[in-house]
């Protein structure tokens, strides 16, 4: 029987105007679907004119300028509809969805749907179970004592995954998918008997524990930053409306 990490997977990634999921906007997105490790990935891409200025710091990360997005990006409302339906199709098909740092990308998509479609990600899923594999959560739990950062670039280097064109949504999505396959192979003894649905449930607890540990570290060091334990989607805040 084929293990989940050798079977069909999809991966989702976004590029944005910043790191605040409640206020920042999506400028690009990609969905990568792969039927197996040797299969050619199918890639869907979206480019968005967010309707607000893109900060220079964000442009420095992903290279998408205001001018480029005005000329080539589409208005957010139809894009959010298409992205949400594409993710819902994957969930309805039972295909696990790889999302690096899922609470960021999925929450930001949810807020964009509320902003431009008066809807939510849950409404588009329409009861289809969301089954997410987050390479950062998986790696941090399975190899918790390894020192060093765990960005996508770091994980690619550690698991010997090629990342070409970092901070391009499609490139990042494909790399995250390959990292998850590599994590599965490396920790096969601990993962191969678990289904993706079981892993989704486990990651909810793993992420919460990781968040509590990071929050404790911030507290000890006098850092006021708050760490949200919710995964893979943060609950809506009243101010977000």
Protein backbone atom coordinates (compact mmCIF):
# COMPACT_ATOMS: atom_id res chain seq x y z
CA UNK A 1 0.00 0.00 0.00
CA UNK A 2 1.35 3.43 -0.96
CA UNK A 3 2.17 5.67 1.99
CA UNK A 4 0.55 9.10 1.99
CA UNK A 5 3.85 10.86 1.37
CA UNK A 6 4.31 8.87 -1.84
CA UNK A 7 0.78 9.55 -3.05
CA UNK A 8 -1.17 12.52 -4.41
CA UNK A 9 -0.57 15.87 -2.70
CA UNK A 10 -1.48 19.48 -3.38
CA UNK A 11 0.32 22.57 -2.12
CA UNK A 12 -0.77 26.18 -1.68
CA UNK A 13 1.24 29.37 -1.20
CA UNK A 14 0.74 33.12 -1.37
CA UNK A 15 2.79 36.30 -1.64
CA UNK A 16 1.41 39.34 0.14
CA UNK A 17 1.74 43.02 0.98
CA UNK A 18 2.97 42.15 4.49
CA UNK A 19 2.72 39.78 7.44
CA UNK A 20 -0.51 40.93 9.14
CA UNK A 21 -3.21 38.44 8.16
CA UNK A 22 -5.95 40.78 9.33
CA UNK A 23 -4.92 43.81 7.27
CA UNK A 24 -2.48 42.80 4.52
CA UNK A 25 -3.50 41.64 1.06
CA UNK A 26 -2.67 38.85 -1.34
CA UNK A 27 -0.69 39.81 -4.45
CA UNK A 28 -0.09 36.33 -5.87
CA UNK A 29 -1.06 32.74 -5.18
CA UNK A 30 -0.30 29.30 -6.53
CA UNK A 31 -1.73 25.81 -6.24
CA UNK A 32 0.49 22.87 -7.17
CA UNK A 33 -1.00 19.38 -7.59
CA UNK A 34 1.17 16.29 -7.92
CA UNK A 35 -0.11 12.72 -8.22
CA UNK A 36 3.14 11.14 -7.02
CA UNK A 37 6.85 11.86 -6.47
CA UNK A 38 7.75 11.22 -10.12
CA UNK A 39 4.66 12.87 -11.59
CA UNK A 40 4.81 16.21 -13.32
CA UNK A 41 3.19 18.87 -11.11
CA UNK A 42 0.16 20.78 -12.37
CA UNK A 43 0.42 24.45 -11.46
CA UNK A 44 -2.27 27.12 -11.21
CA UNK A 45 -1.15 30.72 -10.68
CA UNK A 46 -2.99 33.92 -9.79
CA UNK A 47 -1.72 37.51 -9.85
CA UNK A 48 -3.70 40.10 -7.89
CA UNK A 49 -3.95 43.87 -8.02
CA UNK A 50 -4.58 44.36 -4.28
CA UNK A 51 -5.96 47.87 -4.65
CA UNK A 52 -3.56 49.26 -2.06
CA UNK A 53 0.12 50.25 -2.34
CA UNK A 54 2.63 47.43 -1.97
CA UNK A 55 5.26 48.40 0.63
CA UNK A 56 8.84 48.51 -0.60
CA UNK A 57 9.79 45.88 1.96
CA UNK A 58 7.28 43.42 0.52
CA UNK A 59 8.38 44.14 -3.04
CA UNK A 60 11.97 43.50 -1.97
CA UNK A 61 10.91 40.00 -0.89
CA UNK A 62 8.78 38.84 -3.81
CA UNK A 63 9.71 41.34 -6.54
CA UNK A 64 6.12 42.34 -7.37
CA UNK A 65 5.82 46.10 -7.81
CA UNK A 66 2.76 48.35 -7.78
CA UNK A 67 3.17 49.03 -11.49
CA UNK A 68 3.48 45.36 -12.41
CA UNK A 69 0.41 44.44 -10.38
CA UNK A 70 -1.64 47.31 -11.81
CA UNK A 71 -0.78 46.24 -15.36
CA UNK A 72 -0.97 42.47 -14.94
CA UNK A 73 -2.90 41.70 -11.77
CA UNK A 74 -6.63 41.00 -11.62
CA UNK A 75 -9.11 42.48 -9.18
CA UNK A 76 -9.22 40.53 -5.90
CA UNK A 77 -12.89 39.46 -5.83
CA UNK A 78 -12.85 37.00 -8.77
CA UNK A 79 -9.37 35.75 -7.85
CA UNK A 80 -10.40 34.91 -4.28
CA UNK A 81 -13.41 33.06 -5.64
CA UNK A 82 -11.23 30.99 -7.97
CA UNK A 83 -8.60 30.25 -5.33
CA UNK A 84 -11.17 29.18 -2.75
CA UNK A 85 -12.94 26.93 -5.24
CA UNK A 86 -9.63 25.39 -6.30
CA UNK A 87 -8.74 24.55 -2.70
CA UNK A 88 -12.24 23.23 -2.08
CA UNK A 89 -11.87 20.89 -5.08
CA UNK A 90 -8.71 19.44 -3.59
CA UNK A 91 -10.37 18.93 -0.23
CA UNK A 92 -13.44 17.34 -1.82
CA UNK A 93 -11.15 14.95 -3.71
CA UNK A 94 -9.50 13.94 -0.43
CA UNK A 95 -6.11 15.26 -1.49
CA UNK A 96 -3.95 16.50 1.43
CA UNK A 97 -3.04 20.17 1.17
CA UNK A 98 0.55 21.16 1.96
CA UNK A 99 0.81 24.70 3.34
CA UNK A 100 4.00 26.04 4.87
CA UNK A 101 3.01 28.04 7.98
CA UNK A 102 -0.64 27.28 7.29
CA UNK A 103 -2.12 29.77 9.80
CA UNK A 104 -0.68 32.60 7.72
CA UNK A 105 -1.72 31.66 4.18
CA UNK A 106 -5.08 30.09 5.02
CA UNK A 107 -6.08 32.84 7.43
CA UNK A 108 -5.10 35.53 4.96
CA UNK A 109 -7.18 33.83 2.25
CA UNK A 110 -10.12 33.61 4.64
CA UNK A 111 -9.86 37.34 5.43
CA UNK A 112 -9.65 38.21 1.75
CA UNK A 113 -12.81 36.17 1.12
CA UNK A 114 -14.57 38.06 3.90
CA UNK A 115 -13.30 41.38 2.55
CA UNK A 116 -14.10 40.86 -1.14
CA UNK A 117 -16.74 38.11 -1.23
CA UNK A 118 -18.57 38.57 2.10
CA UNK A 119 -17.84 34.88 2.62
CA UNK A 120 -15.29 32.63 4.31
CA UNK A 121 -13.03 29.71 3.50
CA UNK A 122 -15.31 27.37 5.47
CA UNK A 123 -18.27 28.30 3.28
CA UNK A 124 -16.37 27.41 0.13
CA UNK A 125 -15.24 24.10 1.61
CA UNK A 126 -18.95 23.38 2.21
CA UNK A 127 -18.30 20.61 4.69
CA UNK A 128 -15.36 19.02 2.87
CA UNK A 129 -12.73 18.13 5.46
CA UNK A 130 -9.67 20.38 5.42
CA UNK A 131 -6.63 18.11 5.61
CA UNK A 132 -3.44 20.16 5.93
CA UNK A 133 0.20 19.09 6.15
CA UNK A 134 2.42 21.90 7.42
CA UNK A 135 6.12 21.16 6.90
CA UNK A 136 7.19 23.57 9.62
CA UNK A 137 4.94 21.98 12.25
CA UNK A 138 5.90 18.46 11.18
CA UNK A 139 9.63 19.14 11.16
CA UNK A 140 9.60 21.00 14.47
CA UNK A 141 7.75 18.16 16.19
CA UNK A 142 9.66 15.27 14.64
CA UNK A 143 13.11 16.86 14.98
CA UNK A 144 12.43 19.21 17.89
CA UNK A 145 15.96 19.40 19.29
CA UNK A 146 17.66 20.44 16.06
CA UNK A 147 19.01 23.95 16.38
CA UNK A 148 18.65 26.65 13.77
CA UNK A 149 15.88 28.39 11.87
CA UNK A 150 13.07 26.56 10.12
CA UNK A 151 12.09 28.79 7.24
CA UNK A 152 11.23 27.12 3.95
CA UNK A 153 14.74 27.88 2.69
CA UNK A 154 16.23 26.26 5.79
CA UNK A 155 14.02 23.19 5.51
CA UNK A 156 14.89 22.79 1.84
CA UNK A 157 18.59 22.87 2.69
CA UNK A 158 18.15 20.38 5.54
CA UNK A 159 16.07 17.91 3.51
CA UNK A 160 18.06 18.43 0.30
CA UNK A 161 15.14 19.84 -1.66
CA UNK A 162 15.87 22.17 -4.56
CA UNK A 163 14.19 25.57 -4.21
CA UNK A 164 14.41 27.57 -7.42
CA UNK A 165 13.06 31.12 -7.30
CA UNK A 166 12.30 31.50 -3.59
CA UNK A 167 9.36 33.82 -2.78
CA UNK A 168 7.60 32.94 -6.00
CA UNK A 169 4.32 31.38 -4.88
CA UNK A 170 4.51 28.41 -7.27
CA UNK A 171 8.18 27.70 -6.50
CA UNK A 172 7.55 27.89 -2.76
CA UNK A 173 4.47 25.66 -2.97
CA UNK A 174 6.33 22.98 -4.92
CA UNK A 175 9.29 23.12 -2.54
CA UNK A 176 7.01 22.80 0.49
CA UNK A 177 5.38 19.76 -1.12
CA UNK A 178 8.76 18.15 -1.71
CA UNK A 179 9.83 18.90 1.87
CA UNK A 180 6.74 17.13 3.19
CA UNK A 181 7.54 14.08 1.08
CA UNK A 182 11.12 14.18 2.41
CA UNK A 183 9.90 14.48 6.01
CA UNK A 184 7.63 11.50 5.44
CA UNK A 185 10.47 9.36 4.14
CA UNK A 186 12.92 10.37 6.87
CA UNK A 187 10.45 9.71 9.67
CA UNK A 188 8.61 6.84 7.98
CA UNK A 189 8.72 4.67 11.10
CA UNK A 190 6.70 7.30 12.97
CA UNK A 191 4.44 8.48 10.16
CA UNK A 192 3.66 5.69 7.72
CA UNK A 193 0.84 4.20 9.81
CA UNK A 194 -0.87 7.56 10.24
CA UNK A 195 -3.40 8.85 7.73
CA UNK A 196 -3.24 12.48 6.57
CA UNK A 197 -6.48 13.12 8.50
CA UNK A 198 -4.90 11.77 11.68
CA UNK A 199 -1.82 13.90 11.07
CA UNK A 200 -4.01 16.97 10.59
CA UNK A 201 -5.54 16.42 14.02
CA UNK A 202 -2.15 15.77 15.62
CA UNK A 203 -0.65 18.92 14.11
CA UNK A 204 -3.35 20.99 15.83
CA UNK A 205 -1.94 19.90 19.19
CA UNK A 206 1.68 20.02 18.06
CA UNK A 207 1.37 23.59 16.82
CA UNK A 208 -0.37 24.68 20.03
CA UNK A 209 2.46 23.20 22.10
CA UNK A 210 5.06 24.85 19.88
CA UNK A 211 3.24 28.18 20.23
CA UNK A 212 3.17 27.87 24.01
CA UNK A 213 6.90 27.16 24.04
CA UNK A 214 7.65 30.17 21.85
CA UNK A 215 5.37 32.37 23.95
CA UNK A 216 7.20 31.30 27.10
CA UNK A 217 10.52 32.15 25.44
CA UNK A 218 9.22 35.60 24.47
CA UNK A 219 8.00 36.17 28.03
CA UNK A 220 11.33 35.21 29.55
CA UNK A 221 13.10 37.61 27.21
CA UNK A 222 10.70 40.50 27.77
CA UNK A 223 9.31 40.41 24.21
CA UNK A 224 5.69 41.66 24.01
CA UNK A 225 4.86 39.61 20.89
CA UNK A 226 1.88 37.26 21.20
CA UNK A 227 1.88 33.81 19.58
CA UNK A 228 -1.44 32.45 18.33
CA UNK A 229 -1.86 28.71 19.07
CA UNK A 230 -4.63 28.23 16.48
CA UNK A 231 -3.87 25.95 13.51
CA UNK A 232 -4.40 25.69 10.56
CA UNK A 233 -6.77 28.70 10.56
CA UNK A 234 -7.00 31.51 13.08
CA UNK A 235 -10.47 32.46 14.32
CA UNK A 236 -11.87 35.71 13.02
CA UNK A 237 -11.24 38.76 15.20
CA UNK A 238 -14.05 41.28 15.66
CA UNK A 239 -11.76 44.04 14.35
CA UNK A 240 -11.19 42.09 11.11
CA UNK A 241 -14.75 42.75 10.00
